[in-house]
Amino acid sequence: MSGTKADRVIDGRNLEPPEPFLLTMEALDEIQPGQSVLLQLNREPFPLYRALELNGYAWDISRFEDGTVEILIRHRPA
């Protein structure tokens, strides 16, 4: 997948909802400003985007030919 360096990586491709969402939110609670979480999934997590927005996070999305979606999440700059 991507060569993106993240402080935490969550491979949710083989997990059933809501487990990837829960693991992601737990990881975000543990990171410090300047750190990031990379979430790998087989589909876009549309409900997650709203939760990220409401909680002050920014994210970038990468889509791959095999259907994998990677979301790099970090604290929104002040």
Protein backbone atom coordinates (compact mmCIF):
# COMPACT_ATOMS: atom_id res chain seq x y z
CA MET A 1 0.00 0.00 0.00
CA SER A 2 1.21 3.50 0.69
CA GLY A 3 4.61 4.39 1.98
CA THR A 4 3.03 6.80 4.44
CA LYS A 5 4.67 6.82 7.87
CA ALA A 6 2.13 6.81 10.68
CA ASP A 7 2.55 6.49 14.42
CA ARG A 8 -0.26 3.92 14.61
CA VAL A 9 -1.57 1.62 11.87
CA ILE A 10 -4.95 -0.07 12.08
CA ASP A 11 -5.60 -2.76 9.50
CA GLY A 12 -9.37 -3.01 9.56
CA ARG A 13 -9.69 -4.84 6.24
CA ASN A 14 -10.70 -8.12 7.87
CA LEU A 15 -12.67 -6.66 10.78
CA GLU A 16 -16.43 -6.29 11.00
CA PRO A 17 -18.03 -2.92 11.76
CA PRO A 18 -17.94 -1.22 14.18
CA GLU A 19 -14.58 -2.64 15.27
CA PRO A 20 -12.40 -0.52 12.90
CA PHE A 21 -14.28 2.62 14.00
CA LEU A 22 -13.83 1.79 17.67
CA LEU A 23 -10.13 0.92 17.28
CA THR A 24 -9.56 4.15 15.35
CA MET A 25 -11.26 6.34 17.94
CA GLU A 26 -9.27 4.64 20.74
CA ALA A 27 -6.01 5.19 18.85
CA LEU A 28 -6.87 8.84 18.26
CA ASP A 29 -7.43 9.32 21.98
CA GLU A 30 -3.86 8.10 22.57
CA ILE A 31 -1.90 10.13 20.00
CA GLN A 32 -0.31 13.50 20.62
CA PRO A 33 -0.46 16.53 18.32
CA GLY A 34 1.91 15.91 15.42
CA GLN A 35 1.26 12.17 15.44
CA SER A 36 -1.02 10.28 13.07
CA VAL A 37 -3.12 7.14 12.69
CA LEU A 38 -3.36 5.23 9.41
CA LEU A 39 -6.56 3.22 8.94
CA GLN A 40 -6.72 0.59 6.18
CA LEU A 41 -10.13 -0.62 5.02
CA ASN A 42 -11.83 -2.37 2.11
CA ARG A 43 -14.44 0.40 1.80
CA GLU A 44 -14.86 4.07 2.64
CA PRO A 45 -15.91 4.64 6.25
CA PHE A 46 -18.39 7.47 5.66
CA PRO A 47 -19.68 7.57 9.29
CA LEU A 48 -16.08 7.96 10.50
CA TYR A 49 -15.58 11.17 8.52
CA ARG A 50 -18.32 12.95 10.44
CA ALA A 51 -16.93 11.77 13.78
CA LEU A 52 -13.46 13.00 12.78
CA GLU A 53 -14.83 16.38 11.76
CA LEU A 54 -16.75 16.80 15.01
CA ASN A 55 -13.70 15.85 17.09
CA GLY A 56 -11.17 18.19 15.44
CA TYR A 57 -9.25 15.81 13.19
CA ALA A 58 -8.00 16.24 9.64
CA TRP A 59 -7.53 13.35 7.22
CA ASP A 60 -6.25 12.40 3.78
CA ILE A 61 -7.66 9.53 1.76
CA SER A 62 -5.76 7.24 -0.61
CA ARG A 63 -7.62 4.77 -2.82
CA PHE A 64 -5.91 1.77 -4.39
CA GLU A 65 -6.75 -0.44 -7.38
CA ASP A 66 -7.41 -3.47 -5.17
CA GLY A 67 -10.22 -1.53 -3.43
CA THR A 68 -8.23 -0.69 -0.31
CA VAL A 69 -8.85 2.72 1.21
CA GLU A 70 -6.26 4.27 3.51
CA ILE A 71 -7.16 7.18 5.75
CA LEU A 72 -4.31 9.10 7.37
CA ILE A 73 -5.72 10.94 10.40
CA ARG A 74 -4.10 13.64 12.49
CA HIS A 75 -5.09 16.49 14.81
CA ARG A 76 -6.36 19.48 12.86
CA PRO A 77 -3.85 22.34 13.02
CA ALA A 78 -4.88 25.14 15.37
